Every structure is written in C-alpha cells, then in structure tokens.
C-alpha cells in the first residue's frame, strides 16, 4: 500500500480531494491530509504543511498552479516517488523541478486510477 500525501485536503464532501481521501483509505492506503482548512477527512486530521514526512510514496495535488509555488520545497523535502497532477492542477514549472530531482510526475485523476486499480 502507498502512503499518500494529499495537498489541498478539505472537509468539504463536495470536493474531489475529500472523495480521494476516502477512496484511498477504503483501498487500504495510508494518507496524510495537508490543507488550509481545519478538520479531518477519512478519520485523519488536516495539517498545515509543516512536518516533513519521509515515507511518502505519492503526492496527489488538489490545488491549482497559483497556490503550488508555496509547496514546491515542501514537496521536494518529502522525497516522494511520484506526484499526481489531478485535472486543473497541471504545472509545467513544478513538473520540471520534480523531474530534475528524480521524481515521477503524472497528469492523471487519482479517483480514476483507484477505481481502475492502476494506482
């Protein structure tokens, strides 16, 4: 199972990040919720981007490019194996930085990857 860091986590059930957190947990993956809102999702508290997690397999992004620059160093410091750019989060600048640091990038939908057992 893959430890997944969700950037853009929210307690709002209408958001895709919320749905992804629940689906990841239901498929047996551990999650870390990172966001600006307070609360919890899928039984896991939403944290600010402070603690560095070093056992992250995947980062899945649910924030748009204008907000991502504040997370560049945080993502790099976690040393994930891959970063998933969900629809609307694609960012060539961040992709170039990640690839230069040996991190795989994907333009994909976490929900679709999970639903089709491609995660």
N, C-alpha and C. Protein backbone atom coordinates (compact mmCIF):
# COMPACT_ATOMS: atom_id res chain seq x y z
N UNK A 1 0.83 -1.18 0.00
CA UNK A 1 0.00 0.00 0.00
C UNK A 1 0.88 1.25 0.00
N UNK A 2 0.38 2.30 -0.58
CA UNK A 2 1.16 3.51 -0.77
C UNK A 2 0.75 4.61 0.22
N UNK A 3 1.73 5.17 0.92
CA UNK A 3 1.48 6.32 1.78
C UNK A 3 1.33 7.53 0.87
N UNK A 4 0.17 8.19 0.95
CA UNK A 4 -0.14 9.28 0.03
C UNK A 4 -0.36 10.58 0.79
N UNK A 5 0.30 11.62 0.33
CA UNK A 5 0.15 12.95 0.88
C UNK A 5 -0.81 13.71 -0.02
N UNK A 6 -1.93 14.15 0.53
CA UNK A 6 -2.95 14.87 -0.23
C UNK A 6 -2.78 16.36 0.04
N UNK A 7 -2.36 17.11 -0.98
CA UNK A 7 -2.22 18.55 -0.82
C UNK A 7 -3.48 19.21 -1.38
N UNK A 8 -4.16 19.91 -0.49
CA UNK A 8 -5.45 20.51 -0.83
C UNK A 8 -6.59 19.78 -0.15
N UNK A 9 -6.25 19.03 0.90
CA UNK A 9 -7.28 18.29 1.65
C UNK A 9 -8.31 19.25 2.22
N UNK A 10 -9.54 18.80 2.26
CA UNK A 10 -10.64 19.64 2.73
C UNK A 10 -11.72 18.77 3.37
N UNK A 11 -12.40 19.30 4.39
CA UNK A 11 -13.51 18.56 4.98
C UNK A 11 -14.81 18.70 4.19
N UNK A 12 -14.77 19.36 3.05
CA UNK A 12 -15.95 19.59 2.23
C UNK A 12 -16.23 18.35 1.36
N UNK A 13 -17.33 17.63 1.64
CA UNK A 13 -17.61 16.40 0.90
C UNK A 13 -17.91 16.60 -0.59
N UNK A 14 -18.10 17.84 -1.03
CA UNK A 14 -18.35 18.10 -2.44
C UNK A 14 -17.06 18.18 -3.26
N UNK A 15 -15.90 18.17 -2.58
CA UNK A 15 -14.63 18.33 -3.28
C UNK A 15 -13.99 16.99 -3.61
N UNK A 16 -13.25 16.96 -4.72
CA UNK A 16 -12.59 15.73 -5.15
C UNK A 16 -11.52 15.27 -4.17
N UNK A 17 -10.83 16.21 -3.52
CA UNK A 17 -9.81 15.83 -2.55
C UNK A 17 -10.43 15.03 -1.40
N UNK A 18 -11.61 15.41 -1.01
CA UNK A 18 -12.35 14.69 0.05
C UNK A 18 -12.66 13.26 -0.41
N UNK A 19 -13.18 13.16 -1.62
CA UNK A 19 -13.51 11.85 -2.17
C UNK A 19 -12.26 10.98 -2.32
N UNK A 20 -11.17 11.58 -2.75
CA UNK A 20 -9.92 10.82 -2.92
C UNK A 20 -9.42 10.29 -1.58
N UNK A 21 -9.50 11.10 -0.53
CA UNK A 21 -9.05 10.65 0.79
C UNK A 21 -9.84 9.42 1.22
N UNK A 22 -11.14 9.47 1.05
CA UNK A 22 -11.97 8.34 1.45
C UNK A 22 -11.69 7.10 0.59
N UNK A 23 -11.51 7.31 -0.70
CA UNK A 23 -11.26 6.17 -1.58
C UNK A 23 -9.88 5.56 -1.30
N UNK A 24 -8.88 6.40 -1.07
CA UNK A 24 -7.55 5.89 -0.74
C UNK A 24 -7.61 5.03 0.52
N UNK A 25 -8.28 5.53 1.55
CA UNK A 25 -8.40 4.77 2.81
C UNK A 25 -9.16 3.47 2.58
N UNK A 26 -10.24 3.52 1.80
CA UNK A 26 -11.04 2.31 1.57
C UNK A 26 -10.27 1.25 0.79
N UNK A 27 -9.26 1.69 0.04
CA UNK A 27 -8.42 0.75 -0.72
C UNK A 27 -7.19 0.32 0.08
N UNK A 28 -7.10 0.77 1.35
CA UNK A 28 -6.02 0.32 2.23
C UNK A 28 -4.78 1.19 2.25
N UNK A 29 -4.80 2.33 1.58
CA UNK A 29 -3.65 3.23 1.57
C UNK A 29 -3.68 4.13 2.80
N UNK A 30 -2.51 4.48 3.32
CA UNK A 30 -2.45 5.46 4.39
C UNK A 30 -2.36 6.85 3.77
N UNK A 31 -2.92 7.83 4.46
CA UNK A 31 -2.94 9.19 3.92
C UNK A 31 -2.43 10.19 4.95
N UNK A 32 -1.92 11.29 4.42
CA UNK A 32 -1.60 12.48 5.20
C UNK A 32 -2.36 13.61 4.52
N UNK A 33 -3.22 14.29 5.26
CA UNK A 33 -4.01 15.40 4.71
C UNK A 33 -3.31 16.72 4.99
N UNK A 34 -2.98 17.45 3.93
CA UNK A 34 -2.35 18.75 4.04
C UNK A 34 -3.30 19.77 3.42
N UNK A 35 -3.62 20.81 4.18
CA UNK A 35 -4.52 21.83 3.66
C UNK A 35 -4.58 23.04 4.56
N UNK A 36 -5.39 24.01 4.15
CA UNK A 36 -5.51 25.24 4.92
C UNK A 36 -6.75 25.23 5.81
N UNK A 37 -7.65 24.31 5.57
CA UNK A 37 -8.87 24.23 6.38
C UNK A 37 -8.64 23.34 7.59
N UNK A 38 -9.39 23.60 8.64
CA UNK A 38 -9.32 22.77 9.83
C UNK A 38 -10.28 21.61 9.69
N UNK A 39 -10.03 20.56 10.44
CA UNK A 39 -10.93 19.42 10.45
C UNK A 39 -10.21 18.14 10.14
N UNK A 40 -10.99 17.17 9.70
CA UNK A 40 -10.42 15.88 9.33
C UNK A 40 -11.16 15.32 8.14
N UNK A 41 -10.47 14.41 7.48
CA UNK A 41 -11.04 13.73 6.32
C UNK A 41 -10.67 12.27 6.44
N UNK A 42 -11.64 11.41 6.29
CA UNK A 42 -11.42 9.96 6.36
C UNK A 42 -10.74 9.56 7.66
N UNK A 43 -11.08 10.27 8.74
CA UNK A 43 -10.52 9.94 10.04
C UNK A 43 -9.12 10.44 10.29
N UNK A 44 -8.59 11.27 9.40
CA UNK A 44 -7.23 11.78 9.51
C UNK A 44 -7.29 13.31 9.55
N UNK A 45 -6.65 13.90 10.55
CA UNK A 45 -6.66 15.36 10.70
C UNK A 45 -6.00 16.04 9.50
N UNK A 46 -6.50 17.23 9.18
CA UNK A 46 -5.88 18.06 8.15
C UNK A 46 -4.79 18.89 8.84
N UNK A 47 -3.60 18.81 8.30
CA UNK A 47 -2.44 19.50 8.86
C UNK A 47 -2.00 20.63 7.94
N UNK A 48 -1.28 21.58 8.51
CA UNK A 48 -0.60 22.60 7.72
C UNK A 48 0.70 21.97 7.19
N UNK A 49 1.26 22.51 6.11
CA UNK A 49 2.49 21.92 5.56
C UNK A 49 3.72 22.27 6.40
N UNK A 50 3.86 21.59 7.52
CA UNK A 50 4.98 21.86 8.41
C UNK A 50 5.84 20.62 8.60
N UNK A 51 5.24 19.54 9.09
CA UNK A 51 6.00 18.32 9.33
C UNK A 51 6.39 17.68 8.00
N UNK A 52 7.64 17.27 7.91
CA UNK A 52 8.12 16.61 6.69
C UNK A 52 7.96 15.11 6.88
N UNK A 53 7.23 14.50 5.98
CA UNK A 53 7.05 13.04 6.00
C UNK A 53 8.02 12.44 5.00
N UNK A 54 8.82 11.52 5.47
CA UNK A 54 9.85 10.95 4.60
C UNK A 54 9.47 9.60 4.01
N UNK A 55 8.31 9.08 4.36
CA UNK A 55 7.89 7.77 3.84
C UNK A 55 6.76 7.92 2.83
N UNK A 56 6.74 9.03 2.10
CA UNK A 56 5.68 9.31 1.14
C UNK A 56 5.99 8.64 -0.20
N UNK A 57 5.06 7.84 -0.66
CA UNK A 57 5.17 7.26 -2.00
C UNK A 57 4.65 8.24 -3.04
N UNK A 58 3.46 8.79 -2.76
CA UNK A 58 2.76 9.61 -3.75
C UNK A 58 2.25 10.90 -3.12
N UNK A 59 2.42 11.99 -3.85
CA UNK A 59 1.76 13.25 -3.53
C UNK A 59 0.68 13.43 -4.58
N UNK A 60 -0.55 13.69 -4.16
CA UNK A 60 -1.62 13.98 -5.10
C UNK A 60 -2.08 15.41 -4.87
N UNK A 61 -2.07 16.20 -5.94
CA UNK A 61 -2.34 17.64 -5.84
C UNK A 61 -3.79 17.96 -6.14
N UNK A 62 -4.35 18.78 -5.26
CA UNK A 62 -5.71 19.30 -5.44
C UNK A 62 -5.74 20.81 -5.27
N UNK A 63 -4.62 21.47 -5.53
CA UNK A 63 -4.56 22.93 -5.54
C UNK A 63 -4.02 23.37 -6.89
N UNK A 64 -4.51 24.49 -7.38
CA UNK A 64 -4.11 24.98 -8.69
C UNK A 64 -2.71 25.58 -8.70
N UNK A 65 -2.17 25.79 -9.89
CA UNK A 65 -0.81 26.32 -10.04
C UNK A 65 -0.54 27.61 -9.26
N UNK A 66 -1.47 28.57 -9.17
CA UNK A 66 -1.14 29.79 -8.42
C UNK A 66 -0.78 29.54 -6.95
N UNK A 67 -1.30 28.49 -6.35
CA UNK A 67 -1.03 28.19 -4.95
C UNK A 67 0.13 27.21 -4.77
N UNK A 68 0.53 26.53 -5.81
CA UNK A 68 1.52 25.46 -5.70
C UNK A 68 2.91 25.95 -5.36
N UNK A 69 3.28 27.15 -5.78
CA UNK A 69 4.66 27.60 -5.55
C UNK A 69 5.02 27.60 -4.06
N UNK A 70 4.05 27.84 -3.21
CA UNK A 70 4.30 27.80 -1.78
C UNK A 70 4.56 26.40 -1.24
N UNK A 71 4.35 25.40 -2.07
CA UNK A 71 4.53 24.00 -1.67
C UNK A 71 5.72 23.32 -2.35
N UNK A 72 6.39 24.00 -3.27
CA UNK A 72 7.49 23.38 -4.03
C UNK A 72 8.51 22.74 -3.09
N UNK A 73 9.07 23.51 -2.17
CA UNK A 73 10.10 22.97 -1.27
C UNK A 73 9.54 21.88 -0.38
N UNK A 74 8.33 22.07 0.10
CA UNK A 74 7.72 21.06 0.96
C UNK A 74 7.63 19.71 0.24
N UNK A 75 7.17 19.74 -1.01
CA UNK A 75 7.06 18.50 -1.79
C UNK A 75 8.44 17.88 -1.98
N UNK A 76 9.41 18.69 -2.37
CA UNK A 76 10.76 18.17 -2.58
C UNK A 76 11.34 17.55 -1.31
N UNK A 77 11.09 18.16 -0.17
CA UNK A 77 11.63 17.66 1.10
C UNK A 77 11.01 16.33 1.52
N UNK A 78 9.82 16.01 1.01
CA UNK A 78 9.21 14.72 1.35
C UNK A 78 9.80 13.58 0.52
N UNK A 79 10.49 13.92 -0.57
CA UNK A 79 11.10 12.92 -1.45
C UNK A 79 10.10 11.85 -1.91
N UNK A 80 8.95 12.27 -2.49
CA UNK A 80 8.01 11.25 -2.96
C UNK A 80 8.55 10.54 -4.19
N UNK A 81 8.01 9.36 -4.46
CA UNK A 81 8.37 8.66 -5.69
C UNK A 81 7.68 9.30 -6.89
N UNK A 82 6.43 9.79 -6.65
CA UNK A 82 5.69 10.40 -7.76
C UNK A 82 4.75 11.48 -7.23
N UNK A 83 4.38 12.38 -8.16
CA UNK A 83 3.39 13.42 -7.89
C UNK A 83 2.32 13.31 -8.96
N UNK A 84 1.07 13.23 -8.52
CA UNK A 84 -0.06 13.18 -9.44
C UNK A 84 -0.66 14.58 -9.55
N UNK A 85 -0.72 15.07 -10.78
CA UNK A 85 -1.37 16.34 -11.07
C UNK A 85 -2.79 16.01 -11.52
N UNK A 86 -3.74 16.18 -10.61
CA UNK A 86 -5.14 15.95 -10.94
C UNK A 86 -5.62 17.02 -11.90
N UNK A 87 -6.71 16.79 -12.63
CA UNK A 87 -7.19 17.78 -13.60
C UNK A 87 -7.32 19.18 -12.98
N UNK A 88 -6.74 20.16 -13.66
CA UNK A 88 -6.76 21.53 -13.20
C UNK A 88 -5.55 21.93 -12.38
N UNK A 89 -4.69 20.96 -12.06
CA UNK A 89 -3.50 21.28 -11.25
C UNK A 89 -2.21 21.20 -12.06
N UNK A 90 -2.30 20.93 -13.35
CA UNK A 90 -1.11 20.77 -14.18
C UNK A 90 -0.23 22.02 -14.11
N UNK A 91 1.09 21.81 -13.99
CA UNK A 91 2.01 22.92 -13.80
C UNK A 91 3.38 22.51 -14.35
N UNK A 92 3.72 23.02 -15.53
CA UNK A 92 4.98 22.63 -16.17
C UNK A 92 6.20 23.03 -15.35
N UNK A 93 6.16 24.17 -14.69
CA UNK A 93 7.31 24.59 -13.87
C UNK A 93 7.57 23.59 -12.75
N UNK A 94 6.52 23.20 -12.03
CA UNK A 94 6.69 22.23 -10.95
C UNK A 94 7.11 20.87 -11.50
N UNK A 95 6.53 20.47 -12.61
CA UNK A 95 6.93 19.18 -13.22
C UNK A 95 8.41 19.16 -13.55
N UNK A 96 8.92 20.24 -14.12
CA UNK A 96 10.33 20.30 -14.46
C UNK A 96 11.21 20.19 -13.21
N UNK A 97 10.82 20.87 -12.15
CA UNK A 97 11.57 20.82 -10.88
C UNK A 97 11.56 19.40 -10.33
N UNK A 98 10.39 18.78 -10.34
CA UNK A 98 10.27 17.42 -9.80
C UNK A 98 11.11 16.44 -10.61
N UNK A 99 10.99 16.51 -11.92
CA UNK A 99 11.75 15.58 -12.78
C UNK A 99 13.25 15.78 -12.61
N UNK A 100 13.69 17.03 -12.45
CA UNK A 100 15.11 17.31 -12.23
C UNK A 100 15.60 16.70 -10.92
N UNK A 101 14.67 16.41 -10.02
CA UNK A 101 15.00 15.80 -8.74
C UNK A 101 14.66 14.31 -8.71
N UNK A 102 14.43 13.73 -9.88
CA UNK A 102 14.19 12.29 -9.98
C UNK A 102 12.82 11.82 -9.51
N UNK A 103 11.85 12.72 -9.51
CA UNK A 103 10.51 12.39 -9.07
C UNK A 103 9.59 12.25 -10.28
N UNK A 104 8.90 11.13 -10.35
CA UNK A 104 7.97 10.86 -11.45
C UNK A 104 6.77 11.80 -11.34
N UNK A 105 6.28 12.27 -12.48
CA UNK A 105 5.07 13.09 -12.50
C UNK A 105 4.04 12.44 -13.41
N UNK A 106 2.78 12.65 -13.06
CA UNK A 106 1.67 12.11 -13.86
C UNK A 106 0.56 13.14 -13.95
N UNK A 107 0.02 13.34 -15.14
CA UNK A 107 -1.23 14.05 -15.30
C UNK A 107 -2.30 12.97 -15.27
N UNK A 108 -3.02 12.89 -14.17
CA UNK A 108 -4.00 11.81 -14.02
C UNK A 108 -5.01 12.22 -12.96
N UNK A 109 -6.04 11.42 -12.84
CA UNK A 109 -7.04 11.61 -11.81
C UNK A 109 -6.89 10.49 -10.79
N UNK A 110 -6.58 10.86 -9.57
CA UNK A 110 -6.40 9.87 -8.51
C UNK A 110 -7.62 8.98 -8.38
N UNK A 111 -8.81 9.56 -8.47
CA UNK A 111 -10.04 8.77 -8.35
C UNK A 111 -10.15 7.72 -9.44
N UNK A 112 -9.81 8.09 -10.66
CA UNK A 112 -9.86 7.14 -11.78
C UNK A 112 -8.80 6.06 -11.61
N UNK A 113 -7.58 6.46 -11.21
CA UNK A 113 -6.53 5.46 -11.00
C UNK A 113 -6.95 4.44 -9.95
N UNK A 114 -7.55 4.90 -8.87
CA UNK A 114 -8.00 3.99 -7.82
C UNK A 114 -9.15 3.11 -8.29
N UNK A 115 -10.10 3.70 -9.01
CA UNK A 115 -11.28 2.95 -9.46
C UNK A 115 -10.92 1.87 -10.47
N UNK A 116 -9.83 2.08 -11.20
CA UNK A 116 -9.43 1.13 -12.23
C UNK A 116 -8.23 0.29 -11.80
N UNK A 117 -7.92 0.31 -10.52
CA UNK A 117 -6.81 -0.47 -9.96
C UNK A 117 -5.47 -0.18 -10.65
N UNK A 118 -5.25 1.07 -11.04
CA UNK A 118 -3.98 1.49 -11.64
C UNK A 118 -3.16 2.35 -10.70
N UNK A 119 -3.61 2.52 -9.47
CA UNK A 119 -2.93 3.39 -8.53
C UNK A 119 -1.61 2.78 -8.10
